[in-house]
Amino acid sequence: MKYIFLLSLGCISFALNAQIRIKGIVVDEFNVPLPYVSIGIPNANIGTYSLEDGSYQLDIENRLATQVIQFSHIGFKTKKILVENAMNEESVTLNQMPKELNEVVIFASTKTAHTLGNLKKSSSSKINISRPSEGAEVALLIESKTYPYVINKINLNVVVQNMERYSLRVKLYDVDQVSGLPGKLISNQTVQSVFQTQKGEISFFPEEYIRISTAIFISFEWLATTNDVLKIHAGDKQRSNKIFNRHNSLKCLDCSKIIYNNKKIHFVDALGETIEKIKLSNSEKKFLTQLDSELPRVSFQTTKSEIPTYYRYTSFGKWYRYQQSLIANLETLD
């Protein structure tokens, strides 16, 4: 079984340096809390999203104290606030904006056309979302031989762990013409209360017909509940107390974070360079495996394919190419 934990490049990571903790709530013009607003520092791999009640928490390393935090939610104007100002703001207000009809267009049709994307039905390989509150997401490139078309249904293969129900967010991005990576967000929809028994393929039906005239990326994000986030953070604390703190040496006074997989611990500096590498003992491996099996988790199935798949592990973070392809597809109308 091949998998990664969507936290850093292939492993689980934990910050070590002194940090600034910013907490608050995101609301609209009428002071109504806004859930699932993407929040973070662009390209710094620092991000999160607001929870069901609009509250959020963001831990930022001191070296990023002069940067700008971005608050983004489709249908609202993006807001940018300096870190030092955000520390003193208990609430952040986003203002609604008119819908851009040149991006998403209502288009009625009744004729089923074809299916686009990765059509494989199942796989033992998967990409795990272990710390969703940072805004991790996985995106698959969707290309067609003919345009335009209208999205009728979206299919995704999912495996869940230790949850009775869960929520996902589906996003559509255009393709950046320079980098070929996911570019501008053009649509998103939140799918609530998907039951755990729906393992394997699950389907989403857009609330509106979305007319597509060029290649796009379709992205999926697990929106964890406050309770699940607390359980995951408690698991992080157990890892640190029982294993990571034991290995942290004087060499790592300047370390930025810990990265671990099922074999080794890597102590990494702010530039991403490994300062120290320590092999895990069998008992430590067993402890981590057992702990991970007890925590909430959503995984997306993947398979060998040439269809490009990218992931990022924080809101507004950098996109990285994944070695396999997400099992997801679109059913279209024309």
Protein backbone atom coordinates (compact mmCIF):
# COMPACT_ATOMS: atom_id res chain seq x y z
CA MET A 1 0.00 0.00 0.00
CA LYS A 2 1.36 3.40 -1.00
CA TYR A 3 0.23 6.55 0.72
CA ILE A 4 1.33 9.92 1.97
CA PHE A 5 0.17 12.11 4.80
CA LEU A 6 -0.86 15.47 3.42
CA LEU A 7 1.07 17.67 5.78
CA SER A 8 4.42 18.17 4.14
CA LEU A 9 6.26 16.49 1.30
CA GLY A 10 5.16 12.96 2.00
CA CYS A 11 5.28 12.94 5.79
CA ILE A 12 3.76 14.31 8.95
CA SER A 13 5.25 17.57 10.25
CA PHE A 14 5.13 19.56 13.48
CA ALA A 15 6.41 23.09 14.04
CA LEU A 16 9.18 23.62 16.59
CA ASN A 17 10.06 27.31 16.45
CA ALA A 18 8.44 30.01 18.55
CA GLN A 19 5.15 31.00 16.99
CA ILE A 20 2.55 33.73 16.92
CA ARG A 21 -0.94 32.37 17.56
CA ILE A 22 -3.77 34.30 15.93
CA LYS A 23 -7.36 33.48 16.84
CA GLY A 24 -10.61 35.05 15.75
CA ILE A 25 -13.86 34.66 13.87
CA VAL A 26 -14.81 35.40 10.25
CA VAL A 27 -18.21 37.03 9.64
CA ASP A 28 -20.14 38.64 6.78
CA GLU A 29 -21.51 42.21 6.64
CA PHE A 30 -24.45 41.17 8.82
CA ASN A 31 -22.16 39.71 11.49
CA VAL A 32 -23.16 36.15 10.54
CA PRO A 33 -20.27 33.66 11.06
CA LEU A 34 -18.76 32.31 7.84
CA PRO A 35 -17.63 28.66 7.95
CA TYR A 36 -14.89 27.16 5.77
CA VAL A 37 -13.19 30.41 4.76
CA SER A 38 -9.68 29.67 3.45
CA ILE A 39 -7.09 31.50 5.56
CA GLY A 40 -3.32 31.61 5.21
CA ILE A 41 -0.12 33.21 3.97
CA PRO A 42 0.20 32.59 0.22
CA ASN A 43 3.10 30.31 -0.79
CA ALA A 44 4.36 30.04 2.79
CA ASN A 45 2.68 26.71 3.58
CA ILE A 46 0.91 28.34 6.53
CA GLY A 47 -2.86 27.96 6.37
CA THR A 48 -6.17 26.84 7.83
CA TYR A 49 -9.90 27.41 7.37
CA SER A 50 -12.67 28.70 9.61
CA LEU A 51 -14.73 26.05 11.41
CA GLU A 52 -18.51 25.61 11.54
CA ASP A 53 -18.94 28.61 13.86
CA GLY A 54 -16.62 30.84 11.81
CA SER A 55 -13.78 30.59 14.33
CA TYR A 56 -10.20 30.01 13.27
CA GLN A 57 -6.72 29.62 14.73
CA LEU A 58 -3.47 30.16 12.86
CA ASP A 59 0.05 29.51 14.19
CA ILE A 60 2.69 31.57 12.42
CA GLU A 61 6.45 31.41 12.90
CA ASN A 62 8.00 34.63 14.19
CA ARG A 63 10.04 34.99 10.99
CA LEU A 64 6.75 35.53 9.08
CA ALA A 65 5.51 38.31 11.37
CA THR A 66 5.76 40.92 8.59
CA GLN A 67 3.73 38.88 6.09
CA VAL A 68 0.10 39.24 5.04
CA ILE A 69 -2.72 36.82 5.93
CA GLN A 70 -5.29 36.23 3.19
CA PHE A 71 -8.97 35.44 3.83
CA SER A 72 -10.78 34.01 0.81
CA HIS A 73 -14.24 32.57 0.21
CA ILE A 74 -16.00 32.29 -3.12
CA GLY A 75 -18.77 34.86 -3.42
CA PHE A 76 -16.90 37.28 -1.13
CA LYS A 77 -14.16 39.83 -1.70
CA THR A 78 -10.74 38.53 -0.66
CA LYS A 79 -9.30 40.34 2.36
CA LYS A 80 -5.63 40.74 3.27
CA ILE A 81 -4.43 41.72 6.75
CA LEU A 82 -0.92 42.17 8.11
CA VAL A 83 0.01 39.55 10.72
CA GLU A 84 0.64 42.24 13.35
CA ASN A 85 -2.81 43.74 12.72
CA ALA A 86 -4.55 40.36 12.74
CA MET A 87 -3.22 39.76 16.24
CA ASN A 88 -5.46 42.58 17.48
CA GLU A 89 -8.61 41.81 15.47
CA GLU A 90 -11.15 39.54 17.16
CA SER A 91 -13.27 39.36 14.01
CA VAL A 92 -12.65 39.67 10.28
CA THR A 93 -15.50 40.83 8.03
CA LEU A 94 -15.79 39.66 4.42
CA ASN A 95 -18.00 41.57 2.01
CA GLN A 96 -20.12 39.84 -0.62
CA MET A 97 -19.37 40.44 -4.28
CA PRO A 98 -21.50 40.01 -7.42
CA LYS A 99 -21.13 36.67 -9.16
CA GLU A 100 -18.85 36.77 -12.20
CA LEU A 101 -21.03 35.27 -14.89
CA ASN A 102 -18.12 34.89 -17.27
CA GLU A 103 -16.64 32.29 -14.94
CA VAL A 104 -19.64 30.14 -13.95
CA VAL A 105 -22.66 30.07 -16.22
CA ILE A 106 -26.07 28.42 -15.79
CA PHE A 107 -26.55 26.15 -18.82
CA ALA A 108 -29.53 23.76 -19.13
CA SER A 109 -29.26 20.45 -20.96
CA THR A 110 -30.64 16.93 -20.72
CA LYS A 111 -28.32 14.86 -22.92
CA THR A 112 -25.56 12.86 -21.23
CA ALA A 113 -22.29 13.23 -23.11
CA HIS A 114 -19.21 11.53 -21.66
CA THR A 115 -17.02 10.97 -18.62
CA LEU A 116 -13.71 12.79 -18.09
CA GLY A 117 -10.87 12.07 -15.66
CA ASN A 118 -9.54 8.91 -14.00
CA LEU A 119 -12.12 6.19 -14.64
CA LYS A 120 -10.63 3.43 -12.51
CA LYS A 121 -13.12 2.16 -9.91
CA SER A 122 -10.91 1.23 -6.92
CA SER A 123 -7.33 0.91 -5.70
CA SER A 124 -5.33 -0.07 -2.61
CA SER A 125 -3.25 3.11 -2.92
CA LYS A 126 -4.43 6.29 -1.26
CA ILE A 127 -3.47 9.78 -0.24
CA ASN A 128 -4.32 10.50 3.40
CA ILE A 129 -5.58 13.79 4.80
CA SER A 130 -4.28 13.59 8.36
CA ARG A 131 -4.44 17.23 9.51
CA PRO A 132 -7.30 18.77 7.51
CA SER A 133 -7.58 21.98 9.54
CA GLU A 134 -4.55 23.35 7.69
CA GLY A 135 -6.52 23.31 4.42
CA ALA A 136 -4.99 20.30 2.62
CA GLU A 137 -6.48 19.49 -0.78
CA VAL A 138 -5.85 17.24 -3.79
CA ALA A 139 -6.49 18.30 -7.40
CA LEU A 140 -6.85 16.29 -10.63
CA LEU A 141 -6.43 17.78 -14.11
CA ILE A 142 -9.54 17.40 -16.29
CA GLU A 143 -9.15 17.77 -20.06
CA SER A 144 -11.62 17.16 -22.87
CA LYS A 145 -11.37 16.74 -26.62
CA THR A 146 -14.47 18.86 -27.08
CA TYR A 147 -15.70 22.08 -25.43
CA PRO A 148 -17.87 23.45 -24.02
CA TYR A 149 -19.53 20.98 -21.70
CA VAL A 150 -21.60 21.15 -18.52
CA ILE A 151 -20.77 19.26 -15.31
CA ASN A 152 -23.62 16.96 -14.37
CA LYS A 153 -22.00 14.79 -11.67
CA ILE A 154 -18.65 14.52 -9.87
CA ASN A 155 -17.36 11.14 -8.67
CA LEU A 156 -14.61 10.46 -6.11
CA ASN A 157 -13.26 7.32 -4.40
CA VAL A 158 -13.00 7.79 -0.62
CA VAL A 159 -11.96 5.78 2.46
CA VAL A 160 -12.78 7.15 5.92
CA GLN A 161 -11.61 6.21 9.43
CA ASN A 162 -13.20 6.67 12.87
CA MET A 163 -16.06 8.96 11.84
CA GLU A 164 -19.81 8.50 11.57
CA ARG A 165 -20.09 11.25 8.98
CA TYR A 166 -17.88 13.80 7.32
CA SER A 167 -17.96 16.81 4.97
CA LEU A 168 -16.04 17.48 1.77
CA ARG A 169 -15.54 20.57 -0.34
CA VAL A 170 -15.23 20.35 -4.12
CA LYS A 171 -13.36 23.15 -5.88
CA LEU A 172 -12.77 23.99 -9.53
CA TYR A 173 -9.63 25.85 -10.60
CA ASP A 174 -8.53 27.06 -13.99
CA VAL A 175 -5.08 26.02 -15.23
CA ASP A 176 -2.28 28.55 -14.76
CA GLN A 177 -0.94 29.17 -18.26
CA VAL A 178 2.65 29.59 -17.08
CA SER A 179 3.14 26.85 -14.48
CA GLY A 180 0.41 24.40 -15.50
CA LEU A 181 -0.64 24.22 -11.83
CA PRO A 182 -4.11 24.91 -10.38
CA GLY A 183 -4.69 28.63 -10.85
CA LYS A 184 -7.70 30.81 -10.11
CA LEU A 185 -10.59 29.40 -8.08
CA ILE A 186 -13.74 29.46 -10.23
CA SER A 187 -16.23 27.50 -8.11
CA ASN A 188 -16.59 25.55 -4.88
CA GLN A 189 -19.33 23.61 -3.15
CA THR A 190 -19.52 22.02 0.29
CA VAL A 191 -21.02 18.55 0.56
CA GLN A 192 -22.27 17.90 4.10
CA SER A 193 -22.97 14.74 6.10
CA VAL A 194 -21.57 12.02 3.86
CA PHE A 195 -22.08 8.77 5.77
CA GLN A 196 -19.10 6.59 6.69
CA THR A 197 -20.73 3.56 5.06
CA GLN A 198 -20.25 5.23 1.68
CA LYS A 199 -16.75 3.90 1.14
CA GLY A 200 -15.56 3.57 -2.41
CA GLU A 201 -17.14 5.83 -5.01
CA ILE A 202 -19.30 8.73 -3.82
CA SER A 203 -21.00 11.25 -6.08
CA PHE A 204 -21.74 14.97 -5.93
CA PHE A 205 -24.41 16.73 -7.97
CA PRO A 206 -23.67 20.44 -8.51
CA GLU A 207 -26.33 22.84 -7.32
CA GLU A 208 -26.07 24.60 -10.67
CA TYR A 209 -24.92 23.61 -14.14
CA ILE A 210 -21.37 24.80 -14.62
CA ARG A 211 -20.29 25.43 -18.21
CA ILE A 212 -16.64 24.55 -18.87
CA SER A 213 -14.80 25.89 -21.92
CA THR A 214 -11.19 24.88 -21.20
CA ALA A 215 -9.06 22.49 -19.13
CA ILE A 216 -9.64 22.69 -15.37
CA PHE A 217 -8.51 21.15 -12.10
CA ILE A 218 -11.08 19.55 -9.81
CA SER A 219 -9.99 19.58 -6.18
CA PHE A 220 -11.24 17.88 -3.01
CA GLU A 221 -10.83 19.01 0.59
CA TRP A 222 -11.94 17.37 3.85
CA LEU A 223 -13.69 19.89 6.12
CA ALA A 224 -13.19 18.41 9.59
CA THR A 225 -15.51 19.28 12.47
CA THR A 226 -14.26 21.07 15.58
CA ASN A 227 -14.45 17.79 17.49
CA ASP A 228 -12.34 15.92 14.91
CA VAL A 229 -9.77 18.73 14.86
CA LEU A 230 -9.44 18.53 18.66
CA LYS A 231 -8.87 14.75 18.46
CA ILE A 232 -6.19 15.22 15.80
CA HIS A 233 -4.42 17.92 17.84
CA ALA A 234 -4.50 15.64 20.91
CA GLY A 235 -2.81 12.96 18.81
CA ASP A 236 -0.13 15.47 17.77
CA LYS A 237 0.54 16.20 21.44
CA GLN A 238 0.93 12.51 22.23
CA ARG A 239 3.45 12.10 19.42
CA SER A 240 5.49 15.04 20.68
CA ASN A 241 5.40 14.02 24.34
CA LYS A 242 6.20 10.34 23.87
CA ILE A 243 8.59 10.38 20.92
CA PHE A 244 9.64 13.65 19.33
CA ASN A 245 10.66 15.53 22.47
CA ARG A 246 12.80 12.56 23.47
CA HIS A 247 14.87 12.85 20.31
CA ASN A 248 15.09 16.64 20.05
CA SER A 249 18.80 17.46 20.57
CA LEU A 250 20.90 20.60 20.85
CA LYS A 251 21.52 20.37 17.11
CA CYS A 252 17.92 21.34 16.59
CA LEU A 253 17.79 24.64 18.42
CA ASP A 254 17.31 26.22 15.00
CA CYS A 255 14.91 23.59 13.67
CA SER A 256 11.65 24.79 12.16
CA LYS A 257 9.70 21.54 12.20
CA ILE A 258 9.73 17.78 12.62
CA ILE A 259 8.87 15.55 9.68
CA TYR A 260 8.34 11.84 10.13
CA ASN A 261 7.32 8.83 8.10
CA ASN A 262 7.06 5.19 9.16
CA LYS A 263 10.84 4.81 9.42
CA LYS A 264 12.63 8.01 10.42
CA ILE A 265 12.30 11.41 12.09
CA HIS A 266 13.71 14.42 10.23
CA PHE A 267 14.48 17.67 12.07
CA VAL A 268 14.22 20.43 9.47
CA ASP A 269 15.27 24.09 9.42
CA ALA A 270 13.30 27.04 8.06
CA LEU A 271 14.75 26.52 4.57
CA GLY A 272 13.57 22.92 4.44
CA GLU A 273 17.03 21.43 4.96
CA THR A 274 17.36 18.36 7.18
CA ILE A 275 19.61 19.11 10.19
CA GLU A 276 19.31 15.75 11.88
CA LYS A 277 17.82 12.39 10.94
CA ILE A 278 16.92 9.72 13.51
CA LYS A 279 15.72 6.18 12.87
CA LEU A 280 12.58 5.12 14.72
CA SER A 281 12.74 2.06 16.97
CA ASN A 282 10.29 -0.80 16.46
CA SER A 283 8.37 0.20 19.59
CA GLU A 284 8.11 3.80 18.35
CA LYS A 285 6.87 2.64 14.96
CA LYS A 286 4.26 0.48 16.68
CA PHE A 287 3.12 3.37 18.89
CA LEU A 288 2.77 5.75 15.94
CA THR A 289 0.94 3.18 13.81
CA GLN A 290 -1.52 2.45 16.63
CA LEU A 291 -2.09 6.13 17.36
CA ASP A 292 -2.69 6.96 13.70
CA SER A 293 -5.24 4.15 13.43
CA GLU A 294 -7.31 5.66 16.27
CA LEU A 295 -7.59 9.18 14.82
CA PRO A 296 -10.18 10.54 12.36
CA ARG A 297 -9.00 10.44 8.76
CA VAL A 298 -10.24 10.80 5.22
CA SER A 299 -8.27 9.24 2.36
CA PHE A 300 -8.68 9.64 -1.40
CA GLN A 301 -7.88 6.59 -3.52
CA THR A 302 -5.18 6.90 -6.19
CA THR A 303 -3.81 4.76 -9.00
CA LYS A 304 -0.96 4.70 -11.52
CA SER A 305 -1.87 7.01 -14.36
CA GLU A 306 -0.42 9.81 -16.46
CA ILE A 307 -3.23 12.22 -15.52
CA PRO A 308 -1.55 14.97 -13.45
CA THR A 309 -2.51 15.16 -9.78
CA TYR A 310 -1.27 17.89 -7.44
CA TYR A 311 -1.63 18.39 -3.70
CA ARG A 312 -0.99 21.07 -1.15
CA TYR A 313 -1.19 20.71 2.59
CA THR A 314 -2.23 24.24 3.60
CA SER A 315 -4.61 26.90 2.32
CA PHE A 316 -2.77 29.05 -0.28
CA GLY A 317 0.26 26.75 0.03
CA LYS A 318 2.50 25.52 -2.77
CA TRP A 319 1.23 22.81 -5.09
CA TYR A 320 3.31 19.63 -5.46
CA ARG A 321 3.03 16.94 -8.14
CA TYR A 322 1.90 13.56 -6.80
CA GLN A 323 3.38 10.38 -8.27
CA GLN A 324 -0.04 8.77 -8.82
CA SER A 325 -3.42 10.01 -10.02
CA LEU A 326 -6.51 10.72 -7.97
CA ILE A 327 -9.45 8.40 -8.77
CA ALA A 328 -12.04 11.03 -9.65
CA ASN A 329 -14.03 12.00 -12.73
CA LEU A 330 -16.75 14.22 -14.14
CA GLU A 331 -19.91 13.14 -15.92
CA THR A 332 -20.86 15.82 -18.43
CA LEU A 333 -23.78 17.11 -20.44
CA ASP A 334 -23.55 18.78 -23.81
